[in-house]
Amino acid sequence: MAVETRIPKKAVEPLILLCGKLGRETGRQAEEVFKEFLVWMKKYAWYFFGEPWSEKAEKQVMLSGEDVEFVERSESYGEECERFALVCLRRNMSLKGFDVEGFDRDFEFFGRILCGNCSVWRATGLRRFVERVEQKRRENEEEMKGEDPSWITREMYEYRRRPDVVRLDKMRLVELRFYEEVGGAKGKSCLDRNKYRCPYGDESERFVEDGELIYDLWRLVEWYDRHWNRSRMFQPSPADVKWCHYDEASIIDVTSYEDVLKAAEDGRLKGIFEEHERYLKETRSED
């Protein structure tokens, strides 16, 4: 039986409006975007036109198993982008018409989820944060050189010199270095956080996978820091006290990229991981 390969009549006009919007965002003509969508619909007709159109779009909050499988069967980044766009189109199309805003929400929401903790996106945010902190530090030091710095200036000057604050600032630099050197984000930046608008195309999957590993590694390092190094910014709860080792010798230097990297290789980090697992099991904490 032949598959009916026509979109609902009431969906045509809003779909053209979407194409115009996407064209303006990408510097293309609306007709070009529309033709591209039609090519993809025909290319994957068995998916896009596989079921009769419903009276109105009644989509689930998350993607269906069929939608996920359709995207995951892609053989390249370009094909994955095509398939993902079709998923968003089909979820918002019905005999009643086409929901342009619904398409935008789906594209942004699921594109962001699938971007995860991409090493490039994480590194971009950390760089901006580190730059702001450094700028504030320089401004504070200049204000301290004045004849009569305000009490706020003096308080901030003392705050930035506290050992726990200095340690935290250095830790951010180490974390950034992991994303840049291990995660491959050095010299790269992205503020979009959407896998299907990734400026690095085929490399996106690697950046996402490496970023997730580094994110998990660094959460473990931060947990270690809170439970081995005293800080006025973290006061352990009664349930946490037994897991604190403030008067014991340090296991890793959280301000040294080289030492954290070496700890991952020589087994020190494994020991911390095992204690963290016991901590999670006993406290039922999510951190």
C-alpha atoms as a PDB file:
ATOM      1  CA  MET A   1       0.000   0.000   0.000  1.00  0.00           C
ATOM      2  CA  ALA A   2       1.424   3.378  -1.038  1.00  0.00           C
ATOM      3  CA  VAL A   3       2.226   5.884   1.707  1.00  0.00           C
ATOM      4  CA  GLU A   4       0.333   9.184   1.535  1.00  0.00           C
ATOM      5  CA  THR A   5       3.068  11.829   1.373  1.00  0.00           C
ATOM      6  CA  ARG A   6       1.206  15.094   1.823  1.00  0.00           C
ATOM      7  CA  ILE A   7       1.183  17.416   4.796  1.00  0.00           C
ATOM      8  CA  PRO A   8      -2.175  18.752   6.050  1.00  0.00           C
ATOM      9  CA  LYS A   9      -3.428  21.793   4.108  1.00  0.00           C
ATOM     10  CA  LYS A  10      -3.799  23.857   7.272  1.00  0.00           C
ATOM     11  CA  ALA A  11      -0.149  23.187   8.130  1.00  0.00           C
ATOM     12  CA  VAL A  12       1.277  24.696   4.934  1.00  0.00           C
ATOM     13  CA  GLU A  13       0.948  28.391   5.782  1.00  0.00           C
ATOM     14  CA  PRO A  14       2.407  28.210   9.329  1.00  0.00           C
ATOM     15  CA  LEU A  15       5.178  25.930   8.028  1.00  0.00           C
ATOM     16  CA  ILE A  16       6.101  28.602   5.470  1.00  0.00           C
ATOM     17  CA  LEU A  17       6.146  31.170   8.292  1.00  0.00           C
ATOM     18  CA  LEU A  18       8.585  28.932  10.188  1.00  0.00           C
ATOM     19  CA  CYS A  19      10.759  28.658   7.083  1.00  0.00           C
ATOM     20  CA  GLY A  20      10.833  32.446   6.816  1.00  0.00           C
ATOM     21  CA  LYS A  21      11.879  32.740  10.443  1.00  0.00           C
ATOM     22  CA  LEU A  22      14.605  30.105  10.082  1.00  0.00           C
ATOM     23  CA  GLY A  23      15.754  31.749   6.857  1.00  0.00           C
ATOM     24  CA  ARG A  24      16.193  35.118   8.548  1.00  0.00           C
ATOM     25  CA  GLU A  25      18.170  33.482  11.368  1.00  0.00           C
ATOM     26  CA  THR A  26      20.516  31.670   8.981  1.00  0.00           C
ATOM     27  CA  GLY A  27      20.725  34.108   6.079  1.00  0.00           C
ATOM     28  CA  ARG A  28      18.787  31.871   3.684  1.00  0.00           C
ATOM     29  CA  GLN A  29      15.647  32.288   1.633  1.00  0.00           C
ATOM     30  CA  ALA A  30      12.400  30.912   3.059  1.00  0.00           C
ATOM     31  CA  GLU A  31      11.834  28.979  -0.188  1.00  0.00           C
ATOM     32  CA  GLU A  32      15.203  27.262   0.198  1.00  0.00           C
ATOM     33  CA  VAL A  33      14.405  26.142   3.745  1.00  0.00           C
ATOM     34  CA  PHE A  34      10.922  24.974   2.707  1.00  0.00           C
ATOM     35  CA  LYS A  35      12.292  22.913  -0.192  1.00  0.00           C
ATOM     36  CA  GLU A  36      14.881  21.390   2.128  1.00  0.00           C
ATOM     37  CA  PHE A  37      12.154  20.291   4.543  1.00  0.00           C
ATOM     38  CA  LEU A  38      10.194  18.744   1.655  1.00  0.00           C
ATOM     39  CA  VAL A  39      13.282  16.818   0.520  1.00  0.00           C
ATOM     40  CA  TRP A  40      13.784  15.441   4.022  1.00  0.00           C
ATOM     41  CA  MET A  41      10.102  14.516   4.329  1.00  0.00           C
ATOM     42  CA  LYS A  42      10.333  12.533   1.088  1.00  0.00           C
ATOM     43  CA  LYS A  43      13.681  11.002   2.054  1.00  0.00           C
ATOM     44  CA  TYR A  44      12.257   9.688   5.333  1.00  0.00           C
ATOM     45  CA  ALA A  45       8.646   9.281   4.184  1.00  0.00           C
ATOM     46  CA  TRP A  46       8.323   5.939   5.959  1.00  0.00           C
ATOM     47  CA  TYR A  47       8.815   7.803   9.265  1.00  0.00           C
ATOM     48  CA  PHE A  48       7.251  11.201   8.605  1.00  0.00           C
ATOM     49  CA  PHE A  49       4.122   9.955   6.832  1.00  0.00           C
ATOM     50  CA  GLY A  50       4.014   6.537   8.458  1.00  0.00           C
ATOM     51  CA  GLU A  51       0.897   7.290  10.551  1.00  0.00           C
ATOM     52  CA  PRO A  52      -2.299   9.204   9.640  1.00  0.00           C
ATOM     53  CA  TRP A  53      -2.316  12.793  10.873  1.00  0.00           C
ATOM     54  CA  SER A  54      -4.156  13.271  14.147  1.00  0.00           C
ATOM     55  CA  GLU A  55      -6.921  15.839  14.542  1.00  0.00           C
ATOM     56  CA  LYS A  56      -4.635  17.970  16.706  1.00  0.00           C
ATOM     57  CA  ALA A  57      -1.103  17.674  18.001  1.00  0.00           C
ATOM     58  CA  GLU A  58      -1.185  15.781  21.295  1.00  0.00           C
ATOM     59  CA  LYS A  59       2.480  15.150  21.896  1.00  0.00           C
ATOM     60  CA  GLN A  60       4.142  13.645  24.937  1.00  0.00           C
ATOM     61  CA  VAL A  61       6.430  15.813  27.049  1.00  0.00           C
ATOM     62  CA  MET A  62       9.469  13.726  26.086  1.00  0.00           C
ATOM     63  CA  LEU A  63      10.299  12.160  22.738  1.00  0.00           C
ATOM     64  CA  SER A  64       8.661   8.819  22.026  1.00  0.00           C
ATOM     65  CA  GLY A  65      10.716   5.665  21.692  1.00  0.00           C
ATOM     66  CA  GLU A  66      10.065   5.730  17.950  1.00  0.00           C
ATOM     67  CA  ASP A  67      11.366   9.302  17.691  1.00  0.00           C
ATOM     68  CA  VAL A  68      14.508   8.533  19.701  1.00  0.00           C
ATOM     69  CA  GLU A  69      15.249   5.431  17.642  1.00  0.00           C
ATOM     70  CA  PHE A  70      14.728   7.386  14.414  1.00  0.00           C
ATOM     71  CA  VAL A  71      17.323   9.996  15.451  1.00  0.00           C
ATOM     72  CA  GLU A  72      19.789   7.466  16.875  1.00  0.00           C
ATOM     73  CA  ARG A  73      19.884   5.495  13.616  1.00  0.00           C
ATOM     74  CA  SER A  74      21.630   8.419  11.914  1.00  0.00           C
ATOM     75  CA  GLU A  75      24.951   7.612  10.261  1.00  0.00           C
ATOM     76  CA  SER A  76      26.392  11.140  10.360  1.00  0.00           C
ATOM     77  CA  TYR A  77      25.936  14.456  12.139  1.00  0.00           C
ATOM     78  CA  GLY A  78      24.272  15.960   9.075  1.00  0.00           C
ATOM     79  CA  GLU A  79      21.780  13.122   8.883  1.00  0.00           C
ATOM     80  CA  GLU A  80      21.092  13.410  12.606  1.00  0.00           C
ATOM     81  CA  CYS A  81      20.254  17.106  12.156  1.00  0.00           C
ATOM     82  CA  GLU A  82      17.826  16.236   9.369  1.00  0.00           C
ATOM     83  CA  ARG A  83      16.125  13.537  11.386  1.00  0.00           C
ATOM     84  CA  PHE A  84      15.896  15.665  14.521  1.00  0.00           C
ATOM     85  CA  ALA A  85      14.294  18.532  12.580  1.00  0.00           C
ATOM     86  CA  LEU A  86      11.723  16.092  11.163  1.00  0.00           C
ATOM     87  CA  VAL A  87      10.935  14.819  14.659  1.00  0.00           C
ATOM     88  CA  CYS A  88      10.207  18.385  15.776  1.00  0.00           C
ATOM     89  CA  LEU A  89       8.123  19.011  12.657  1.00  0.00           C
ATOM     90  CA  ARG A  90       6.042  15.866  13.022  1.00  0.00           C
ATOM     91  CA  ARG A  91       5.431  16.397  16.757  1.00  0.00           C
ATOM     92  CA  ASN A  92       3.806  19.755  16.015  1.00  0.00           C
ATOM     93  CA  MET A  93       1.847  18.940  12.853  1.00  0.00           C
ATOM     94  CA  SER A  94      -1.788  17.788  12.679  1.00  0.00           C
ATOM     95  CA  LEU A  95      -4.933  18.223  10.624  1.00  0.00           C
ATOM     96  CA  LYS A  96      -5.545  21.359  12.676  1.00  0.00           C
ATOM     97  CA  GLY A  97      -2.340  22.927  11.386  1.00  0.00           C
ATOM     98  CA  PHE A  98       1.259  23.395  12.497  1.00  0.00           C
ATOM     99  CA  ASP A  99       2.446  24.817  15.833  1.00  0.00           C
ATOM    100  CA  VAL A 100       5.435  27.062  15.056  1.00  0.00           C
ATOM    101  CA  GLU A 101       6.051  27.919  18.719  1.00  0.00           C
ATOM    102  CA  GLY A 102       5.841  24.232  19.621  1.00  0.00           C
ATOM    103  CA  PHE A 103       8.528  23.462  17.031  1.00  0.00           C
ATOM    104  CA  ASP A 104      10.779  26.171  18.480  1.00  0.00           C
ATOM    105  CA  ARG A 105      10.283  24.873  22.027  1.00  0.00           C
ATOM    106  CA  ASP A 106      11.019  21.291  21.029  1.00  0.00           C
ATOM    107  CA  PHE A 107      14.083  22.245  18.999  1.00  0.00           C
ATOM    108  CA  GLU A 108      15.514  24.329  21.843  1.00  0.00           C
ATOM    109  CA  PHE A 109      14.587  21.977  24.697  1.00  0.00           C
ATOM    110  CA  PHE A 110      15.743  18.680  23.207  1.00  0.00           C
ATOM    111  CA  GLY A 111      18.712  20.260  21.434  1.00  0.00           C
ATOM    112  CA  ARG A 112      19.889  21.614  24.793  1.00  0.00           C
ATOM    113  CA  ILE A 113      19.364  18.304  26.580  1.00  0.00           C
ATOM    114  CA  LEU A 114      21.353  16.404  23.960  1.00  0.00           C
ATOM    115  CA  CYS A 115      24.140  18.984  24.177  1.00  0.00           C
ATOM    116  CA  GLY A 116      24.537  17.945  27.818  1.00  0.00           C
ATOM    117  CA  ASN A 117      27.772  19.112  29.413  1.00  0.00           C
ATOM    118  CA  CYS A 118      29.611  19.646  26.147  1.00  0.00           C
ATOM    119  CA  SER A 119      33.245  20.485  26.887  1.00  0.00           C
ATOM    120  CA  VAL A 120      33.179  23.521  24.555  1.00  0.00           C
ATOM    121  CA  TRP A 121      30.051  24.988  26.153  1.00  0.00           C
ATOM    122  CA  ARG A 122      31.426  24.363  29.659  1.00  0.00           C
ATOM    123  CA  ALA A 123      34.798  25.899  28.781  1.00  0.00           C
ATOM    124  CA  THR A 124      33.127  28.963  27.249  1.00  0.00           C
ATOM    125  CA  GLY A 125      31.132  29.623  30.413  1.00  0.00           C
ATOM    126  CA  LEU A 126      34.141  29.077  32.673  1.00  0.00           C
ATOM    127  CA  ARG A 127      36.313  31.445  30.635  1.00  0.00           C
ATOM    128  CA  ARG A 128      33.729  34.199  30.904  1.00  0.00           C
ATOM    129  CA  PHE A 129      33.356  33.612  34.650  1.00  0.00           C
ATOM    130  CA  VAL A 130      37.122  33.571  35.257  1.00  0.00           C
ATOM    131  CA  GLU A 131      37.503  36.789  33.259  1.00  0.00           C
ATOM    132  CA  ARG A 132      34.790  38.525  35.312  1.00  0.00           C
ATOM    133  CA  VAL A 133      36.376  37.394  38.586  1.00  0.00           C
ATOM    134  CA  GLU A 134      39.800  38.610  37.447  1.00  0.00           C
ATOM    135  CA  GLN A 135      38.360  41.954  36.333  1.00  0.00           C
ATOM    136  CA  LYS A 136      36.631  42.446  39.696  1.00  0.00           C
ATOM    137  CA  ARG A 137      39.872  41.557  41.476  1.00  0.00           C
ATOM    138  CA  ARG A 138      41.838  44.158  39.485  1.00  0.00           C
ATOM    139  CA  GLU A 139      39.178  46.810  40.083  1.00  0.00           C
ATOM    140  CA  ASN A 140      39.187  46.052  43.813  1.00  0.00           C
ATOM    141  CA  GLU A 141      42.973  46.326  44.038  1.00  0.00           C
ATOM    142  CA  GLU A 142      42.888  49.692  42.232  1.00  0.00           C
ATOM    143  CA  GLU A 143      40.205  50.969  44.628  1.00  0.00           C
ATOM    144  CA  MET A 144      42.334  49.852  47.585  1.00  0.00           C
ATOM    145  CA  LYS A 145      45.120  52.115  46.372  1.00  0.00           C
ATOM    146  CA  GLY A 146      42.872  55.155  46.873  1.00  0.00           C
ATOM    147  CA  GLU A 147      43.162  57.440  49.884  1.00  0.00           C
ATOM    148  CA  ASP A 148      40.036  56.249  51.675  1.00  0.00           C
ATOM    149  CA  PRO A 149      38.618  52.972  50.267  1.00  0.00           C
ATOM    150  CA  SER A 150      35.074  52.205  51.376  1.00  0.00           C
ATOM    151  CA  TRP A 151      34.297  49.470  53.879  1.00  0.00           C
ATOM    152  CA  ILE A 152      32.823  47.381  51.045  1.00  0.00           C
ATOM    153  CA  THR A 153      36.095  47.680  49.116  1.00  0.00           C
ATOM    154  CA  ARG A 154      38.097  46.660  52.193  1.00  0.00           C
ATOM    155  CA  GLU A 155      35.768  43.715  52.914  1.00  0.00           C
ATOM    156  CA  MET A 156      36.007  42.477  49.338  1.00  0.00           C
ATOM    157  CA  TYR A 157      39.786  42.830  49.416  1.00  0.00           C
ATOM    158  CA  GLU A 158      40.007  40.657  52.527  1.00  0.00           C
ATOM    159  CA  TYR A 159      37.456  38.213  51.136  1.00  0.00           C
ATOM    160  CA  ARG A 160      39.479  37.645  47.949  1.00  0.00           C
ATOM    161  CA  ARG A 161      42.611  36.971  50.019  1.00  0.00           C
ATOM    162  CA  ARG A 162      40.983  34.257  52.148  1.00  0.00           C
ATOM    163  CA  PRO A 163      42.664  30.828  51.621  1.00  0.00           C
ATOM    164  CA  ASP A 164      39.393  29.092  50.736  1.00  0.00           C
ATOM    165  CA  VAL A 165      38.507  31.766  48.161  1.00  0.00           C
ATOM    166  CA  VAL A 166      41.999  31.710  46.635  1.00  0.00           C
ATOM    167  CA  ARG A 167      41.767  27.912  46.439  1.00  0.00           C
ATOM    168  CA  LEU A 168      38.368  28.090  44.734  1.00  0.00           C
ATOM    169  CA  ASP A 169      39.654  30.586  42.153  1.00  0.00           C
ATOM    170  CA  LYS A 170      42.580  28.292  41.349  1.00  0.00           C
ATOM    171  CA  MET A 171      40.252  25.295  41.108  1.00  0.00           C
ATOM    172  CA  ARG A 172      38.224  27.038  38.421  1.00  0.00           C
ATOM    173  CA  LEU A 173      41.394  27.450  36.363  1.00  0.00           C
ATOM    174  CA  VAL A 174      42.163  23.748  36.761  1.00  0.00           C
ATOM    175  CA  GLU A 175      38.618  22.787  35.768  1.00  0.00           C
ATOM    176  CA  LEU A 176      38.848  25.035  32.704  1.00  0.00           C
ATOM    177  CA  ARG A 177      42.146  23.429  31.731  1.00  0.00           C
ATOM    178  CA  PHE A 178      40.549  19.965  31.858  1.00  0.00           C
ATOM    179  CA  TYR A 179      37.799  21.037  29.458  1.00  0.00           C
ATOM    180  CA  GLU A 180      40.325  22.727  27.180  1.00  0.00           C
ATOM    181  CA  GLU A 181      43.079  20.119  27.130  1.00  0.00           C
ATOM    182  CA  VAL A 182      41.350  16.810  27.867  1.00  0.00           C
ATOM    183  CA  GLY A 183      37.986  17.850  26.407  1.00  0.00           C
ATOM    184  CA  GLY A 184      39.472  19.450  23.293  1.00  0.00           C
ATOM    185  CA  ALA A 185      37.860  22.852  23.887  1.00  0.00           C
ATOM    186  CA  LYS A 186      41.036  24.938  23.684  1.00  0.00           C
ATOM    187  CA  GLY A 187      40.549  27.775  21.194  1.00  0.00           C
ATOM    188  CA  LYS A 188      36.865  26.888  20.749  1.00  0.00           C
ATOM    189  CA  SER A 189      33.739  28.601  22.052  1.00  0.00           C
ATOM    190  CA  CYS A 190      29.962  28.262  21.859  1.00  0.00           C
ATOM    191  CA  LEU A 191      27.173  30.089  23.679  1.00  0.00           C
ATOM    192  CA  ASP A 192      24.229  28.404  21.952  1.00  0.00           C
ATOM    193  CA  ARG A 193      24.149  25.039  23.747  1.00  0.00           C
ATOM    194  CA  ASN A 194      22.148  23.218  21.120  1.00  0.00           C
ATOM    195  CA  LYS A 195      23.583  20.058  19.595  1.00  0.00           C
ATOM    196  CA  TYR A 196      21.825  20.720  16.290  1.00  0.00           C
ATOM    197  CA  ARG A 197      23.317  24.170  15.865  1.00  0.00           C
ATOM    198  CA  CYS A 198      26.799  23.101  16.895  1.00  0.00           C
ATOM    199  CA  PRO A 199      29.474  25.213  15.132  1.00  0.00           C
ATOM    200  CA  TYR A 200      31.762  22.159  15.154  1.00  0.00           C
ATOM    201  CA  GLY A 201      29.394  19.761  13.388  1.00  0.00           C
ATOM    202  CA  ASP A 202      30.708  16.200  13.370  1.00  0.00           C
ATOM    203  CA  GLU A 203      32.865  16.880  16.437  1.00  0.00           C
ATOM    204  CA  SER A 204      29.813  17.605  18.602  1.00  0.00           C
ATOM    205  CA  GLU A 205      29.400  14.004  19.761  1.00  0.00           C
ATOM    206  CA  ARG A 206      32.990  13.826  20.993  1.00  0.00           C
ATOM    207  CA  PHE A 207      32.705  17.148  22.815  1.00  0.00           C
ATOM    208  CA  VAL A 208      29.510  15.965  24.518  1.00  0.00           C
ATOM    209  CA  GLU A 209      31.005  12.611  25.556  1.00  0.00           C
ATOM    210  CA  ASP A 210      34.289  14.131  26.795  1.00  0.00           C
ATOM    211  CA  GLY A 211      32.437  16.940  28.541  1.00  0.00           C
ATOM    212  CA  GLU A 212      30.211  14.518  30.442  1.00  0.00           C
ATOM    213  CA  LEU A 213      33.247  12.547  31.677  1.00  0.00           C
ATOM    214  CA  ILE A 214      35.064  15.703  32.792  1.00  0.00           C
ATOM    215  CA  TYR A 215      31.905  17.049  34.449  1.00  0.00           C
ATOM    216  CA  ASP A 216      31.573  13.852  36.529  1.00  0.00           C
ATOM    217  CA  LEU A 217      35.291  13.899  37.352  1.00  0.00           C
ATOM    218  CA  TRP A 218      35.146  17.494  38.530  1.00  0.00           C
ATOM    219  CA  ARG A 219      32.033  16.964  40.653  1.00  0.00           C
ATOM    220  CA  LEU A 220      34.047  14.268  42.462  1.00  0.00           C
ATOM    221  CA  VAL A 221      36.995  16.653  42.913  1.00  0.00           C
ATOM    222  CA  GLU A 222      34.637  19.289  44.351  1.00  0.00           C
ATOM    223  CA  TRP A 223      33.134  16.751  46.739  1.00  0.00           C
ATOM    224  CA  TYR A 224      36.640  15.839  47.872  1.00  0.00           C
ATOM    225  CA  ASP A 225      37.526  19.506  48.363  1.00  0.00           C
ATOM    226  CA  ARG A 226      34.466  20.145  50.548  1.00  0.00           C
ATOM    227  CA  HIS A 227      35.253  17.155  52.772  1.00  0.00           C
ATOM    228  CA  TRP A 228      39.045  17.472  53.044  1.00  0.00           C
ATOM    229  CA  ASN A 229      39.643  21.232  52.914  1.00  0.00           C
ATOM    230  CA  ARG A 230      37.995  23.607  55.343  1.00  0.00           C
ATOM    231  CA  SER A 231      35.987  26.442  53.882  1.00  0.00           C
ATOM    232  CA  ARG A 232      33.825  29.197  55.328  1.00  0.00           C
ATOM    233  CA  MET A 233      31.565  28.713  52.314  1.00  0.00           C
ATOM    234  CA  PHE A 234      30.676  25.128  53.225  1.00  0.00           C
ATOM    235  CA  GLN A 235      29.454  24.089  56.643  1.00  0.00           C
ATOM    236  CA  PRO A 236      28.859  20.318  56.836  1.00  0.00           C
ATOM    237  CA  SER A 237      25.498  19.106  58.077  1.00  0.00           C
ATOM    238  CA  PRO A 238      25.407  16.706  61.050  1.00  0.00           C
ATOM    239  CA  ALA A 239      25.085  13.808  58.612  1.00  0.00           C
ATOM    240  CA  ASP A 240      28.123  15.077  56.692  1.00  0.00           C
ATOM    241  CA  VAL A 241      30.493  15.512  59.621  1.00  0.00           C
ATOM    242  CA  LYS A 242      31.591  11.869  59.753  1.00  0.00           C
ATOM    243  CA  TRP A 243      32.704  12.146  56.122  1.00  0.00           C
ATOM    244  CA  CYS A 244      34.949  15.160  56.734  1.00  0.00           C
ATOM    245  CA  HIS A 245      38.733  14.670  56.917  1.00  0.00           C
ATOM    246  CA  TYR A 246      39.864  18.200  57.711  1.00  0.00           C
ATOM    247  CA  ASP A 247      42.742  17.214  59.992  1.00  0.00           C
ATOM    248  CA  GLU A 248      44.063  14.446  57.765  1.00  0.00           C
ATOM    249  CA  ALA A 249      46.764  14.661  55.126  1.00  0.00           C
ATOM    250  CA  SER A 250      45.600  15.775  51.687  1.00  0.00           C
ATOM    251  CA  ILE A 251      45.150  13.131  49.012  1.00  0.00           C
ATOM    252  CA  ILE A 252      45.183  15.411  45.982  1.00  0.00           C
ATOM    253  CA  ASP A 253      46.066  19.039  45.330  1.00  0.00           C
ATOM    254  CA  VAL A 254      42.839  20.467  43.890  1.00  0.00           C
ATOM    255  CA  THR A 255      44.699  23.562  42.641  1.00  0.00           C
ATOM    256  CA  SER A 256      47.068  21.531  40.435  1.00  0.00           C
ATOM    257  CA  TYR A 257      45.974  20.235  37.034  1.00  0.00           C
ATOM    258  CA  GLU A 258      48.960  17.903  36.920  1.00  0.00           C
ATOM    259  CA  ASP A 259      48.230  16.382  40.336  1.00  0.00           C
ATOM    260  CA  VAL A 260      44.526  15.816  39.667  1.00  0.00           C
ATOM    261  CA  LEU A 261      45.412  14.187  36.345  1.00  0.00           C
ATOM    262  CA  LYS A 262      48.048  12.019  38.014  1.00  0.00           C
ATOM    263  CA  ALA A 263      45.582  11.070  40.779  1.00  0.00           C
ATOM    264  CA  ALA A 264      43.237   9.718  38.117  1.00  0.00           C
ATOM    265  CA  GLU A 265      46.071   7.510  36.860  1.00  0.00           C
ATOM    266  CA  ASP A 266      47.696   6.309  40.098  1.00  0.00           C
ATOM    267  CA  GLY A 267      44.536   5.255  41.959  1.00  0.00           C
ATOM    268  CA  ARG A 268      44.139   8.102  44.434  1.00  0.00           C
ATOM    269  CA  LEU A 269      41.013   9.334  42.708  1.00  0.00           C
ATOM    270  CA  LYS A 270      39.623   5.807  42.679  1.00  0.00           C
ATOM    271  CA  GLY A 271      39.865   5.702  46.471  1.00  0.00           C
ATOM    272  CA  ILE A 272      37.969   8.998  46.701  1.00  0.00           C
ATOM    273  CA  PHE A 273      35.365   7.660  44.282  1.00  0.00           C
ATOM    274  CA  GLU A 274      34.822   4.578  46.442  1.00  0.00           C
ATOM    275  CA  GLU A 275      34.342   6.709  49.566  1.00  0.00           C
ATOM    276  CA  HIS A 276      31.958   8.959  47.657  1.00  0.00           C
ATOM    277  CA  GLU A 277      29.928   5.896  46.660  1.00  0.00           C
ATOM    278  CA  ARG A 278      29.708   4.833  50.327  1.00  0.00           C
ATOM    279  CA  TYR A 279      28.696   8.399  51.216  1.00  0.00           C
ATOM    280  CA  LEU A 280      25.908   8.418  48.628  1.00  0.00           C
ATOM    281  CA  LYS A 281      24.625   5.032  49.776  1.00  0.00           C
ATOM    282  CA  GLU A 282      24.543   5.973  53.459  1.00  0.00           C
ATOM    283  CA  THR A 283      23.273   9.562  53.159  1.00  0.00           C
ATOM    284  CA  ARG A 284      21.091   8.995  50.085  1.00  0.00           C
ATOM    285  CA  SER A 285      22.415  12.308  48.868  1.00  0.00           C
ATOM    286  CA  GLU A 286      22.451  13.208  45.172  1.00  0.00           C
ATOM    287  CA  ASP A 287      25.855  14.884  45.446  1.00  0.00           C
END
